[in-house]
Amino acid sequence: MIKIDEELLDFISHAAKNTHPNEFAAFLREEKEIISEVIFSPFSIFGRNSSTISHFSLPIDVSIVGTVHSHPSANGSPSREDLNFFLRYGKVHIIICYPYNRNDLFFYSREGENLAYELV
């Protein structure tokens, strides 16, 4: 089961609301088996239909375990592009969809399977 800091979920929700109607995307950092931080990459582009995050500007960091991004619609399912992206970056991927509340969060594996999570 994925463990995630409860305050981090509030931050993710706030970031999605502030970026709307554009998507946002970032990396997730895990410490002591708890996802506890969002890492925004310089040179990222947040757009209406997609976001691009630059992994080239990140330091080598084994604590980065996946990604988070928003969907400005009520659809929390990963697109084909999302699934291709998941395969490249870590083991946990979060999609938060409009209206960006806690029940609008979806956790996926790198293969696109739903993951259970626990707030800590």
PDB file of N, CA and C in Angstrom:
ATOM      1  N   MET A   1       0.844  -1.186   0.000  1.00  0.00           N
ATOM      2  CA  MET A   1       0.000   0.000   0.000  1.00  0.00           C
ATOM      3  C   MET A   1       0.886   1.246   0.000  1.00  0.00           C
ATOM      4  N   ILE A   2       0.506   2.209  -0.814  1.00  0.00           N
ATOM      5  CA  ILE A   2       1.223   3.481  -0.903  1.00  0.00           C
ATOM      6  C   ILE A   2       0.860   4.330   0.312  1.00  0.00           C
ATOM      7  N   LYS A   3       1.855   4.935   0.916  1.00  0.00           N
ATOM      8  CA  LYS A   3       1.631   5.860   2.025  1.00  0.00           C
ATOM      9  C   LYS A   3       1.985   7.253   1.545  1.00  0.00           C
ATOM     10  N   ILE A   4       1.090   8.199   1.857  1.00  0.00           N
ATOM     11  CA  ILE A   4       1.305   9.580   1.423  1.00  0.00           C
ATOM     12  C   ILE A   4       0.932  10.532   2.545  1.00  0.00           C
ATOM     13  N   ASP A   5       1.722  11.567   2.671  1.00  0.00           N
ATOM     14  CA  ASP A   5       1.490  12.584   3.688  1.00  0.00           C
ATOM     15  C   ASP A   5       0.187  13.324   3.393  1.00  0.00           C
ATOM     16  N   GLU A   6      -0.660  13.443   4.395  1.00  0.00           N
ATOM     17  CA  GLU A   6      -1.964  14.085   4.218  1.00  0.00           C
ATOM     18  C   GLU A   6      -1.836  15.548   3.809  1.00  0.00           C
ATOM     19  N   GLU A   7      -0.881  16.250   4.369  1.00  0.00           N
ATOM     20  CA  GLU A   7      -0.677  17.654   4.004  1.00  0.00           C
ATOM     21  C   GLU A   7      -0.231  17.792   2.551  1.00  0.00           C
ATOM     22  N   LEU A   8       0.491  16.802   2.052  1.00  0.00           N
ATOM     23  CA  LEU A   8       0.920  16.834   0.660  1.00  0.00           C
ATOM     24  C   LEU A   8      -0.281  16.739  -0.275  1.00  0.00           C
ATOM     25  N   LEU A   9      -1.272  15.938   0.095  1.00  0.00           N
ATOM     26  CA  LEU A   9      -2.488  15.862  -0.735  1.00  0.00           C
ATOM     27  C   LEU A   9      -3.194  17.206  -0.785  1.00  0.00           C
ATOM     28  N   ASP A  10      -3.213  17.914   0.331  1.00  0.00           N
ATOM     29  CA  ASP A  10      -3.802  19.258   0.338  1.00  0.00           C
ATOM     30  C   ASP A  10      -3.015  20.193  -0.582  1.00  0.00           C
ATOM     31  N   PHE A  11      -1.692  20.076  -0.552  1.00  0.00           N
ATOM     32  CA  PHE A  11      -0.850  20.896  -1.432  1.00  0.00           C
ATOM     33  C   PHE A  11      -1.132  20.579  -2.899  1.00  0.00           C
ATOM     34  N   ILE A  12      -1.235  19.289  -3.240  1.00  0.00           N
ATOM     35  CA  ILE A  12      -1.516  18.874  -4.619  1.00  0.00           C
ATOM     36  C   ILE A  12      -2.849  19.435  -5.074  1.00  0.00           C
ATOM     37  N   SER A  13      -3.854  19.355  -4.212  1.00  0.00           N
ATOM     38  CA  SER A  13      -5.175  19.898  -4.530  1.00  0.00           C
ATOM     39  C   SER A  13      -5.095  21.406  -4.778  1.00  0.00           C
ATOM     40  N   HIS A  14      -4.388  22.095  -3.931  1.00  0.00           N
ATOM     41  CA  HIS A  14      -4.230  23.546  -4.064  1.00  0.00           C
ATOM     42  C   HIS A  14      -3.486  23.903  -5.356  1.00  0.00           C
ATOM     43  N   ALA A  15      -2.430  23.156  -5.669  1.00  0.00           N
ATOM     44  CA  ALA A  15      -1.665  23.410  -6.899  1.00  0.00           C
ATOM     45  C   ALA A  15      -2.542  23.214  -8.131  1.00  0.00           C
ATOM     46  N   ALA A  16      -3.357  22.163  -8.129  1.00  0.00           N
ATOM     47  CA  ALA A  16      -4.242  21.895  -9.274  1.00  0.00           C
ATOM     48  C   ALA A  16      -5.272  23.009  -9.434  1.00  0.00           C
ATOM     49  N   LYS A  17      -5.848  23.459  -8.327  1.00  0.00           N
ATOM     50  CA  LYS A  17      -6.840  24.534  -8.388  1.00  0.00           C
ATOM     51  C   LYS A  17      -6.218  25.825  -8.898  1.00  0.00           C
ATOM     52  N   ASN A  18      -4.996  26.115  -8.469  1.00  0.00           N
ATOM     53  CA  ASN A  18      -4.326  27.357  -8.884  1.00  0.00           C
ATOM     54  C   ASN A  18      -3.855  27.321 -10.328  1.00  0.00           C
ATOM     55  N   THR A  19      -3.649  26.146 -10.869  1.00  0.00           N
ATOM     56  CA  THR A  19      -3.180  26.017 -12.246  1.00  0.00           C
ATOM     57  C   THR A  19      -4.337  25.920 -13.231  1.00  0.00           C
ATOM     58  N   HIS A  20      -5.520  25.517 -12.755  1.00  0.00           N
ATOM     59  CA  HIS A  20      -6.698  25.329 -13.606  1.00  0.00           C
ATOM     60  C   HIS A  20      -6.976  26.594 -14.430  1.00  0.00           C
ATOM     61  N   PRO A  21      -7.296  26.513 -15.701  1.00  0.00           N
ATOM     62  CA  PRO A  21      -7.702  25.331 -16.466  1.00  0.00           C
ATOM     63  C   PRO A  21      -6.533  24.576 -17.092  1.00  0.00           C
ATOM     64  N   ASN A  22      -5.308  24.970 -16.789  1.00  0.00           N
ATOM     65  CA  ASN A  22      -4.151  24.244 -17.306  1.00  0.00           C
ATOM     66  C   ASN A  22      -3.844  23.043 -16.418  1.00  0.00           C
ATOM     67  N   GLU A  23      -3.162  22.073 -16.980  1.00  0.00           N
ATOM     68  CA  GLU A  23      -2.645  20.965 -16.202  1.00  0.00           C
ATOM     69  C   GLU A  23      -1.384  21.418 -15.492  1.00  0.00           C
ATOM     70  N   PHE A  24      -1.068  20.718 -14.405  1.00  0.00           N
ATOM     71  CA  PHE A  24       0.262  20.869 -13.825  1.00  0.00           C
ATOM     72  C   PHE A  24       0.856  19.472 -13.683  1.00  0.00           C
ATOM     73  N   ALA A  25       2.150  19.393 -13.585  1.00  0.00           N
ATOM     74  CA  ALA A  25       2.825  18.111 -13.427  1.00  0.00           C
ATOM     75  C   ALA A  25       4.089  18.311 -12.601  1.00  0.00           C
ATOM     76  N   ALA A  26       4.417  17.289 -11.813  1.00  0.00           N
ATOM     77  CA  ALA A  26       5.602  17.353 -10.966  1.00  0.00           C
ATOM     78  C   ALA A  26       6.028  15.931 -10.604  1.00  0.00           C
ATOM     79  N   PHE A  27       7.171  15.838  -9.971  1.00  0.00           N
ATOM     80  CA  PHE A  27       7.685  14.557  -9.496  1.00  0.00           C
ATOM     81  C   PHE A  27       7.333  14.368  -8.025  1.00  0.00           C
ATOM     82  N   LEU A  28       7.302  13.123  -7.588  1.00  0.00           N
ATOM     83  CA  LEU A  28       6.997  12.779  -6.195  1.00  0.00           C
ATOM     84  C   LEU A  28       8.253  12.241  -5.526  1.00  0.00           C
ATOM     85  N   ARG A  29       8.498  12.710  -4.311  1.00  0.00           N
ATOM     86  CA  ARG A  29       9.641  12.231  -3.533  1.00  0.00           C
ATOM     87  C   ARG A  29       9.128  11.444  -2.326  1.00  0.00           C
ATOM     88  N   GLU A  30       9.807  10.323  -2.067  1.00  0.00           N
ATOM     89  CA  GLU A  30       9.455   9.456  -0.941  1.00  0.00           C
ATOM     90  C   GLU A  30      10.603   9.435   0.057  1.00  0.00           C
ATOM     91  N   GLU A  31      10.253   9.589   1.322  1.00  0.00           N
ATOM     92  CA  GLU A  31      11.234   9.480   2.398  1.00  0.00           C
ATOM     93  C   GLU A  31      10.673   8.564   3.466  1.00  0.00           C
ATOM     94  N   LYS A  32      11.448   7.573   3.873  1.00  0.00           N
ATOM     95  CA  LYS A  32      11.034   6.600   4.887  1.00  0.00           C
ATOM     96  C   LYS A  32       9.712   5.941   4.509  1.00  0.00           C
ATOM     97  N   GLU A  33       9.599   5.574   3.220  1.00  0.00           N
ATOM     98  CA  GLU A  33       8.439   4.861   2.664  1.00  0.00           C
ATOM     99  C   GLU A  33       7.140   5.672   2.682  1.00  0.00           C
ATOM    100  N   ILE A  34       7.253   6.999   2.775  1.00  0.00           N
ATOM    101  CA  ILE A  34       6.094   7.888   2.729  1.00  0.00           C
ATOM    102  C   ILE A  34       6.334   8.939   1.652  1.00  0.00           C
ATOM    103  N   ILE A  35       5.392   9.073   0.724  1.00  0.00           N
ATOM    104  CA  ILE A  35       5.485  10.139  -0.271  1.00  0.00           C
ATOM    105  C   ILE A  35       5.207  11.441   0.459  1.00  0.00           C
ATOM    106  N   SER A  36       6.214  12.306   0.463  1.00  0.00           N
ATOM    107  CA  SER A  36       6.123  13.473   1.339  1.00  0.00           C
ATOM    108  C   SER A  36       6.420  14.801   0.667  1.00  0.00           C
ATOM    109  N   GLU A  37       6.781  14.764  -0.618  1.00  0.00           N
ATOM    110  CA  GLU A  37       7.177  16.013  -1.257  1.00  0.00           C
ATOM    111  C   GLU A  37       6.895  15.982  -2.752  1.00  0.00           C
ATOM    112  N   VAL A  38       6.539  17.146  -3.275  1.00  0.00           N
ATOM    113  CA  VAL A  38       6.379  17.349  -4.710  1.00  0.00           C
ATOM    114  C   VAL A  38       7.575  18.161  -5.178  1.00  0.00           C
ATOM    115  N   ILE A  39       8.184  17.727  -6.279  1.00  0.00           N
ATOM    116  CA  ILE A  39       9.337  18.417  -6.846  1.00  0.00           C
ATOM    117  C   ILE A  39       8.925  18.986  -8.198  1.00  0.00           C
ATOM    118  N   PHE A  40       8.903  20.312  -8.305  1.00  0.00           N
ATOM    119  CA  PHE A  40       8.618  20.953  -9.584  1.00  0.00           C
ATOM    120  C   PHE A  40       9.931  21.103 -10.336  1.00  0.00           C
ATOM    121  N   SER A  41       9.912  20.697 -11.568  1.00  0.00           N
ATOM    122  CA  SER A  41      11.108  20.764 -12.402  1.00  0.00           C
ATOM    123  C   SER A  41      11.157  22.099 -13.132  1.00  0.00           C
ATOM    124  N   PRO A  42      12.335  22.748 -13.121  1.00  0.00           N
ATOM    125  CA  PRO A  42      12.470  23.953 -13.944  1.00  0.00           C
ATOM    126  C   PRO A  42      12.208  23.611 -15.409  1.00  0.00           C
ATOM    127  N   PHE A  43      11.754  24.555 -16.145  1.00  0.00           N
ATOM    128  CA  PHE A  43      11.494  24.418 -17.572  1.00  0.00           C
ATOM    129  C   PHE A  43      10.257  23.576 -17.880  1.00  0.00           C
ATOM    130  N   SER A  44       9.412  23.341 -16.882  1.00  0.00           N
ATOM    131  CA  SER A  44       8.161  22.623 -17.129  1.00  0.00           C
ATOM    132  C   SER A  44       7.185  23.545 -17.847  1.00  0.00           C
ATOM    133  N   ILE A  45       6.307  22.933 -18.619  1.00  0.00           N
ATOM    134  CA  ILE A  45       5.284  23.680 -19.353  1.00  0.00           C
ATOM    135  C   ILE A  45       3.930  23.125 -18.954  1.00  0.00           C
ATOM    136  N   PHE A  46       3.058  23.991 -18.445  1.00  0.00           N
ATOM    137  CA  PHE A  46       1.715  23.593 -18.032  1.00  0.00           C
ATOM    138  C   PHE A  46       0.721  24.132 -19.040  1.00  0.00           C
ATOM    139  N   GLY A  47       0.046  23.242 -19.762  1.00  0.00           N
ATOM    140  CA  GLY A  47      -0.874  23.660 -20.810  1.00  0.00           C
ATOM    141  C   GLY A  47      -2.289  23.170 -20.578  1.00  0.00           C
ATOM    142  N   ARG A  48      -3.195  23.592 -21.444  1.00  0.00           N
ATOM    143  CA  ARG A  48      -4.602  23.204 -21.322  1.00  0.00           C
ATOM    144  C   ARG A  48      -4.850  21.726 -21.579  1.00  0.00           C
ATOM    145  N   ASN A  49      -4.124  21.141 -22.502  1.00  0.00           N
ATOM    146  CA  ASN A  49      -4.365  19.745 -22.859  1.00  0.00           C
ATOM    147  C   ASN A  49      -3.273  18.796 -22.403  1.00  0.00           C
ATOM    148  N   SER A  50      -2.158  19.335 -21.997  1.00  0.00           N
ATOM    149  CA  SER A  50      -1.070  18.481 -21.525  1.00  0.00           C
ATOM    150  C   SER A  50      -0.041  19.327 -20.793  1.00  0.00           C
ATOM    151  N   SER A  51       0.836  18.635 -20.090  1.00  0.00           N
ATOM    152  CA  SER A  51       1.964  19.281 -19.437  1.00  0.00           C
ATOM    153  C   SER A  51       3.226  18.555 -19.825  1.00  0.00           C
ATOM    154  N   THR A  52       4.315  19.275 -19.792  1.00  0.00           N
ATOM    155  CA  THR A  52       5.610  18.684 -20.064  1.00  0.00           C
ATOM    156  C   THR A  52       6.516  19.011 -18.895  1.00  0.00           C
ATOM    157  N   ILE A  53       7.127  17.981 -18.319  1.00  0.00           N
ATOM    158  CA  ILE A  53       8.078  18.236 -17.246  1.00  0.00           C
ATOM    159  C   ILE A  53       9.453  17.784 -17.707  1.00  0.00           C
ATOM    160  N   SER A  54      10.421  18.612 -17.394  1.00  0.00           N
ATOM    161  CA  SER A  54      11.787  18.358 -17.836  1.00  0.00           C
ATOM    162  C   SER A  54      12.531  17.554 -16.783  1.00  0.00           C
ATOM    163  N   HIS A  55      12.831  16.315 -17.084  1.00  0.00           N
ATOM    164  CA  HIS A  55      13.616  15.502 -16.157  1.00  0.00           C
ATOM    165  C   HIS A  55      15.112  15.789 -16.291  1.00  0.00           C
ATOM    166  N   PHE A  56      15.514  16.470 -17.348  1.00  0.00           N
ATOM    167  CA  PHE A  56      16.926  16.763 -17.566  1.00  0.00           C
ATOM    168  C   PHE A  56      17.473  17.753 -16.540  1.00  0.00           C
ATOM    169  N   SER A  57      16.614  18.565 -15.954  1.00  0.00           N
ATOM    170  CA  SER A  57      17.074  19.574 -15.011  1.00  0.00           C
ATOM    171  C   SER A  57      17.064  19.078 -13.570  1.00  0.00           C
ATOM    172  N   LEU A  58      16.631  17.841 -13.353  1.00  0.00           N
ATOM    173  CA  LEU A  58      16.602  17.291 -11.999  1.00  0.00           C
ATOM    174  C   LEU A  58      17.934  16.633 -11.654  1.00  0.00           C
ATOM    175  N   PRO A  59      18.321  16.704 -10.383  1.00  0.00           N
ATOM    176  CA  PRO A  59      19.514  15.967  -9.977  1.00  0.00           C
ATOM    177  C   PRO A  59      19.198  14.469  -9.942  1.00  0.00           C
ATOM    178  N   ILE A  60      20.233  13.643  -9.983  1.00  0.00           N
ATOM    179  CA  ILE A  60      20.018  12.211  -9.798  1.00  0.00           C
ATOM    180  C   ILE A  60      19.544  12.026  -8.364  1.00  0.00           C
ATOM    181  N   ASP A  61      18.365  11.450  -8.191  1.00  0.00           N
ATOM    182  CA  ASP A  61      17.734  11.396  -6.878  1.00  0.00           C
ATOM    183  C   ASP A  61      16.930  10.110  -6.780  1.00  0.00           C
ATOM    184  N   VAL A  62      17.414   9.151  -6.035  1.00  0.00           N
ATOM    185  CA  VAL A  62      16.722   7.859  -5.918  1.00  0.00           C
ATOM    186  C   VAL A  62      15.454   7.945  -5.073  1.00  0.00           C
ATOM    187  N   SER A  63      15.224   9.072  -4.414  1.00  0.00           N
ATOM    188  CA  SER A  63      14.003   9.221  -3.618  1.00  0.00           C
ATOM    189  C   SER A  63      12.802   9.646  -4.467  1.00  0.00           C
ATOM    190  N   ILE A  64      13.015   9.977  -5.743  1.00  0.00           N
ATOM    191  CA  ILE A  64      11.903  10.299  -6.644  1.00  0.00           C
ATOM    192  C   ILE A  64      11.274   8.984  -7.083  1.00  0.00           C
ATOM    193  N   VAL A  65       9.984   8.814  -6.736  1.00  0.00           N
ATOM    194  CA  VAL A  65       9.315   7.526  -6.958  1.00  0.00           C
ATOM    195  C   VAL A  65       8.208   7.580  -7.999  1.00  0.00           C
ATOM    196  N   GLY A  66       7.931   8.752  -8.553  1.00  0.00           N
ATOM    197  CA  GLY A  66       6.869   8.844  -9.543  1.00  0.00           C
ATOM    198  C   GLY A  66       6.504  10.275  -9.851  1.00  0.00           C
ATOM    199  N   THR A  67       5.256  10.444 -10.307  1.00  0.00           N
ATOM    200  CA  THR A  67       4.799  11.750 -10.762  1.00  0.00           C
ATOM    201  C   THR A  67       3.390  12.042 -10.262  1.00  0.00           C
ATOM    202  N   VAL A  68       3.026  13.299 -10.364  1.00  0.00           N
ATOM    203  CA  VAL A  68       1.653  13.739 -10.124  1.00  0.00           C
ATOM    204  C   VAL A  68       1.311  14.726 -11.222  1.00  0.00           C
ATOM    205  N   HIS A  69       0.085  14.641 -11.722  1.00  0.00           N
ATOM    206  CA  HIS A  69      -0.379  15.674 -12.652  1.00  0.00           C
ATOM    207  C   HIS A  69      -1.885  15.809 -12.553  1.00  0.00           C
ATOM    208  N   SER A  70      -2.376  16.927 -13.026  1.00  0.00           N
ATOM    209  CA  SER A  70      -3.811  17.207 -12.948  1.00  0.00           C
ATOM    210  C   SER A  70      -4.465  17.001 -14.307  1.00  0.00           C
ATOM    211  N   HIS A  71      -5.745  16.684 -14.244  1.00  0.00           N
ATOM    212  CA  HIS A  71      -6.606  16.667 -15.427  1.00  0.00           C
ATOM    213  C   HIS A  71      -7.672  17.738 -15.209  1.00  0.00           C
ATOM    214  N   PRO A  72      -7.739  18.762 -16.058  1.00  0.00           N
ATOM    215  CA  PRO A  72      -8.713  19.839 -15.880  1.00  0.00           C
ATOM    216  C   PRO A  72     -10.158  19.422 -16.149  1.00  0.00           C
ATOM    217  N   SER A  73     -10.380  18.141 -16.416  1.00  0.00           N
ATOM    218  CA  SER A  73     -11.738  17.617 -16.585  1.00  0.00           C
ATOM    219  C   SER A  73     -12.045  16.703 -15.398  1.00  0.00           C
ATOM    220  N   ALA A  74     -13.224  16.125 -15.380  1.00  0.00           N
ATOM    221  CA  ALA A  74     -13.618  15.218 -14.302  1.00  0.00           C
ATOM    222  C   ALA A  74     -13.156  13.782 -14.555  1.00  0.00           C
ATOM    223  N   ASN A  75     -12.304  13.574 -15.548  1.00  0.00           N
ATOM    224  CA  ASN A  75     -11.825  12.244 -15.901  1.00  0.00           C
ATOM    225  C   ASN A  75     -10.473  11.983 -15.222  1.00  0.00           C
ATOM    226  N   GLY A  76     -10.458  11.033 -14.306  1.00  0.00           N
ATOM    227  CA  GLY A  76      -9.228  10.691 -13.603  1.00  0.00           C
ATOM    228  C   GLY A  76      -8.498   9.503 -14.182  1.00  0.00           C
ATOM    229  N   SER A  77      -8.953   9.002 -15.304  1.00  0.00           N
ATOM    230  CA  SER A  77      -8.305   7.852 -15.937  1.00  0.00           C
ATOM    231  C   SER A  77      -7.092   8.306 -16.743  1.00  0.00           C
ATOM    232  N   PRO A  78      -6.042   7.488 -16.752  1.00  0.00           N
ATOM    233  CA  PRO A  78      -4.872   7.868 -17.536  1.00  0.00           C
ATOM    234  C   PRO A  78      -5.116   7.716 -19.033  1.00  0.00           C
ATOM    235  N   SER A  79      -4.620   8.658 -19.793  1.00  0.00           N
ATOM    236  CA  SER A  79      -4.676   8.586 -21.254  1.00  0.00           C
ATOM    237  C   SER A  79      -3.562   7.657 -21.745  1.00  0.00           C
ATOM    238  N   ARG A  80      -3.545   7.370 -23.018  1.00  0.00           N
ATOM    239  CA  ARG A  80      -2.472   6.570 -23.608  1.00  0.00           C
ATOM    240  C   ARG A  80      -1.126   7.270 -23.392  1.00  0.00           C
ATOM    241  N   GLU A  81      -1.117   8.596 -23.545  1.00  0.00           N
ATOM    242  CA  GLU A  81       0.111   9.357 -23.326  1.00  0.00           C
ATOM    243  C   GLU A  81       0.555   9.271 -21.864  1.00  0.00           C
ATOM    244  N   ASP A  82      -0.428   9.328 -20.938  1.00  0.00           N
ATOM    245  CA  ASP A  82      -0.103   9.181 -19.521  1.00  0.00           C
ATOM    246  C   ASP A  82       0.549   7.825 -19.259  1.00  0.00           C
ATOM    247  N   LEU A  83      -0.025   6.771 -19.813  1.00  0.00           N
ATOM    248  CA  LEU A  83       0.509   5.423 -19.597  1.00  0.00           C
ATOM    249  C   LEU A  83       1.929   5.297 -20.132  1.00  0.00           C
ATOM    250  N   ASN A  84       2.201   5.896 -21.269  1.00  0.00           N
ATOM    251  CA  ASN A  84       3.566   5.885 -21.806  1.00  0.00           C
ATOM    252  C   ASN A  84       4.514   6.654 -20.886  1.00  0.00           C
ATOM    253  N   PHE A  85       4.035   7.759 -20.354  1.00  0.00           N
ATOM    254  CA  PHE A  85       4.818   8.573 -19.433  1.00  0.00           C
ATOM    255  C   PHE A  85       5.095   7.803 -18.139  1.00  0.00           C
ATOM    256  N   PHE A  86       4.079   7.104 -17.611  1.00  0.00           N
ATOM    257  CA  PHE A  86       4.231   6.344 -16.372  1.00  0.00           C
ATOM    258  C   PHE A  86       5.375   5.335 -16.473  1.00  0.00           C
ATOM    259  N   LEU A  87       5.510   4.718 -17.623  1.00  0.00           N
ATOM    260  CA  LEU A  87       6.539   3.687 -17.797  1.00  0.00           C
ATOM    261  C   LEU A  87       7.951   4.230 -17.630  1.00  0.00           C
ATOM    262  N   ARG A  88       8.120   5.535 -17.828  1.00  0.00           N
ATOM    263  CA  ARG A  88       9.452   6.136 -17.766  1.00  0.00           C
ATOM    264  C   ARG A  88       9.853   6.652 -16.401  1.00  0.00           C
ATOM    265  N   TYR A  89       8.874   6.910 -15.533  1.00  0.00           N
ATOM    266  CA  TYR A  89       9.176   7.645 -14.301  1.00  0.00           C
ATOM    267  C   TYR A  89       8.582   6.987 -13.063  1.00  0.00           C
ATOM    268  N   GLY A  90       9.266   6.051 -12.482  1.00  0.00           N
ATOM    269  CA  GLY A  90       8.913   5.581 -11.156  1.00  0.00           C
ATOM    270  C   GLY A  90       7.794   4.579 -11.076  1.00  0.00           C
ATOM    271  N   LYS A  91       7.353   4.350  -9.846  1.00  0.00           N
ATOM    272  CA  LYS A  91       6.386   3.299  -9.548  1.00  0.00           C
ATOM    273  C   LYS A  91       5.012   3.805  -9.146  1.00  0.00           C
ATOM    274  N   VAL A  92       4.882   5.090  -8.825  1.00  0.00           N
ATOM    275  CA  VAL A  92       3.609   5.649  -8.350  1.00  0.00           C
ATOM    276  C   VAL A  92       3.288   6.891  -9.159  1.00  0.00           C
ATOM    277  N   HIS A  93       2.050   6.951  -9.639  1.00  0.00           N
ATOM    278  CA  HIS A  93       1.624   8.109 -10.419  1.00  0.00           C
ATOM    279  C   HIS A  93       0.243   8.530  -9.939  1.00  0.00           C
ATOM    280  N   ILE A  94       0.112   9.804  -9.656  1.00  0.00           N
ATOM    281  CA  ILE A  94      -1.146  10.345  -9.148  1.00  0.00           C
ATOM    282  C   ILE A  94      -1.745  11.249 -10.212  1.00  0.00           C
ATOM    283  N   ILE A  95      -3.037  11.069 -10.450  1.00  0.00           N
ATOM    284  CA  ILE A  95      -3.810  12.003 -11.270  1.00  0.00           C
ATOM    285  C   ILE A  95      -4.868  12.602 -10.363  1.00  0.00           C
ATOM    286  N   ILE A  96      -4.947  13.914 -10.346  1.00  0.00           N
ATOM    287  CA  ILE A  96      -6.023  14.598  -9.639  1.00  0.00           C
ATOM    288  C   ILE A  96      -6.858  15.302 -10.694  1.00  0.00           C
ATOM    289  N   CYS A  97      -8.156  15.062 -10.670  1.00  0.00           N
ATOM    290  CA  CYS A  97      -9.026  15.647 -11.689  1.00  0.00           C
ATOM    291  C   CYS A  97      -9.958  16.686 -11.058  1.00  0.00           C
ATOM    292  N   TYR A  98     -10.534  17.491 -11.928  1.00  0.00           N
ATOM    293  CA  TYR A  98     -11.445  18.557 -11.521  1.00  0.00           C
ATOM    294  C   TYR A  98     -12.623  17.953 -10.766  1.00  0.00           C
ATOM    295  N   PRO A  99     -13.059  18.511  -9.646  1.00  0.00           N
ATOM    296  CA  PRO A  99     -12.744  19.811  -9.041  1.00  0.00           C
ATOM    297  C   PRO A  99     -11.606  19.791  -8.019  1.00  0.00           C
ATOM    298  N   TYR A 100     -10.765  18.762  -8.045  1.00  0.00           N
ATOM    299  CA  TYR A 100      -9.510  18.723  -7.303  1.00  0.00           C
ATOM    300  C   TYR A 100      -9.670  18.569  -5.795  1.00  0.00           C
ATOM    301  N   ASN A 101     -10.621  17.755  -5.400  1.00  0.00           N
ATOM    302  CA  ASN A 101     -10.793  17.445  -3.989  1.00  0.00           C
ATOM    303  C   ASN A 101     -10.162  16.083  -3.691  1.00  0.00           C
ATOM    304  N   ARG A 102     -10.188  15.672  -2.446  1.00  0.00           N
ATOM    305  CA  ARG A 102      -9.557  14.405  -2.068  1.00  0.00           C
ATOM    306  C   ARG A 102     -10.168  13.196  -2.775  1.00  0.00           C
ATOM    307  N   ASN A 103     -11.454  13.239  -3.045  1.00  0.00           N
ATOM    308  CA  ASN A 103     -12.073  12.101  -3.746  1.00  0.00           C
ATOM    309  C   ASN A 103     -11.820  12.164  -5.253  1.00  0.00           C
ATOM    310  N   ASP A 104     -11.055  13.134  -5.711  1.00  0.00           N
ATOM    311  CA  ASP A 104     -10.706  13.274  -7.131  1.00  0.00           C
ATOM    312  C   ASP A 104      -9.267  12.847  -7.406  1.00  0.00           C
ATOM    313  N   LEU A 105      -8.675  12.093  -6.475  1.00  0.00           N
ATOM    314  CA  LEU A 105      -7.304  11.606  -6.595  1.00  0.00           C
ATOM    315  C   LEU A 105      -7.305  10.144  -7.005  1.00  0.00           C
ATOM    316  N   PHE A 106      -6.453   9.813  -7.958  1.00  0.00           N
ATOM    317  CA  PHE A 106      -6.336   8.443  -8.441  1.00  0.00           C
ATOM    318  C   PHE A 106      -4.866   8.066  -8.458  1.00  0.00           C
ATOM    319  N   PHE A 107      -4.550   6.937  -7.885  1.00  0.00           N
ATOM    320  CA  PHE A 107      -3.182   6.444  -7.798  1.00  0.00           C
ATOM    321  C   PHE A 107      -3.019   5.267  -8.748  1.00  0.00           C
ATOM    322  N   TYR A 108      -1.942   5.294  -9.536  1.00  0.00           N
ATOM    323  CA  TYR A 108      -1.702   4.254 -10.533  1.00  0.00           C
ATOM    324  C   TYR A 108      -0.273   3.736 -10.438  1.00  0.00           C
ATOM    325  N   SER A 109      -0.115   2.479 -10.820  1.00  0.00           N
ATOM    326  CA  SER A 109       1.218   1.902 -10.961  1.00  0.00           C
ATOM    327  C   SER A 109       1.798   2.339 -12.299  1.00  0.00           C
ATOM    328  N   ARG A 110       3.025   1.982 -12.554  1.00  0.00           N
ATOM    329  CA  ARG A 110       3.647   2.323 -13.839  1.00  0.00           C
ATOM    330  C   ARG A 110       2.957   1.629 -15.000  1.00  0.00           C
ATOM    331  N   GLU A 111       2.216   0.543 -14.719  1.00  0.00           N
ATOM    332  CA  GLU A 111       1.458  -0.168 -15.764  1.00  0.00           C
ATOM    333  C   GLU A 111       0.027   0.358 -15.897  1.00  0.00           C
ATOM    334  N   GLY A 112      -0.359   1.324 -15.070  1.00  0.00           N
ATOM    335  CA  GLY A 112      -1.691   1.908 -15.147  1.00  0.00           C
ATOM    336  C   GLY A 112      -2.725   1.217 -14.285  1.00  0.00           C
ATOM    337  N   GLU A 113      -2.283   0.333 -13.382  1.00  0.00           N
ATOM    338  CA  GLU A 113      -3.217  -0.337 -12.487  1.00  0.00           C
ATOM    339  C   GLU A 113      -3.481   0.555 -11.280  1.00  0.00           C
ATOM    340  N   ASN A 114      -4.729   0.500 -10.773  1.00  0.00           N
ATOM    341  CA  ASN A 114      -5.088   1.286  -9.578  1.00  0.00           C
ATOM    342  C   ASN A 114      -4.294   0.801  -8.378  1.00  0.00           C
ATOM    343  N   LEU A 115      -3.852   1.753  -7.571  1.00  0.00           N
ATOM    344  CA  LEU A 115      -3.117   1.447  -6.334  1.00  0.00           C
ATOM    345  C   LEU A 115      -3.904   1.969  -5.134  1.00  0.00           C
ATOM    346  N   ALA A 116      -3.909   1.188  -4.069  1.00  0.00           N
ATOM    347  CA  ALA A 116      -4.510   1.638  -2.809  1.00  0.00           C
ATOM    348  C   ALA A 116      -3.506   2.559  -2.111  1.00  0.00           C
ATOM    349  N   TYR A 117      -4.038   3.505  -1.364  1.00  0.00           N
ATOM    350  CA  TYR A 117      -3.140   4.411  -0.635  1.00  0.00           C
ATOM    351  C   TYR A 117      -3.681   4.681   0.741  1.00  0.00           C
ATOM    352  N   GLU A 118      -2.787   5.107   1.606  1.00  0.00           N
ATOM    353  CA  GLU A 118      -3.102   5.400   2.995  1.00  0.00           C
ATOM    354  C   GLU A 118      -2.561   6.788   3.325  1.00  0.00           C
ATOM    355  N   LEU A 119      -3.384   7.599   3.988  1.00  0.00           N
ATOM    356  CA  LEU A 119      -2.927   8.921   4.443  1.00  0.00           C
ATOM    357  C   LEU A 119      -2.218   8.786   5.774  1.00  0.00           C
ATOM    358  N   VAL A 120      -1.082   9.455   5.887  1.00  0.00           N
ATOM    359  CA  VAL A 120      -0.353   9.428   7.145  1.00  0.00           C
ATOM    360  C   VAL A 120      -0.026  10.840   7.597  1.00  0.00           C
TER     361      VAL A 120
END
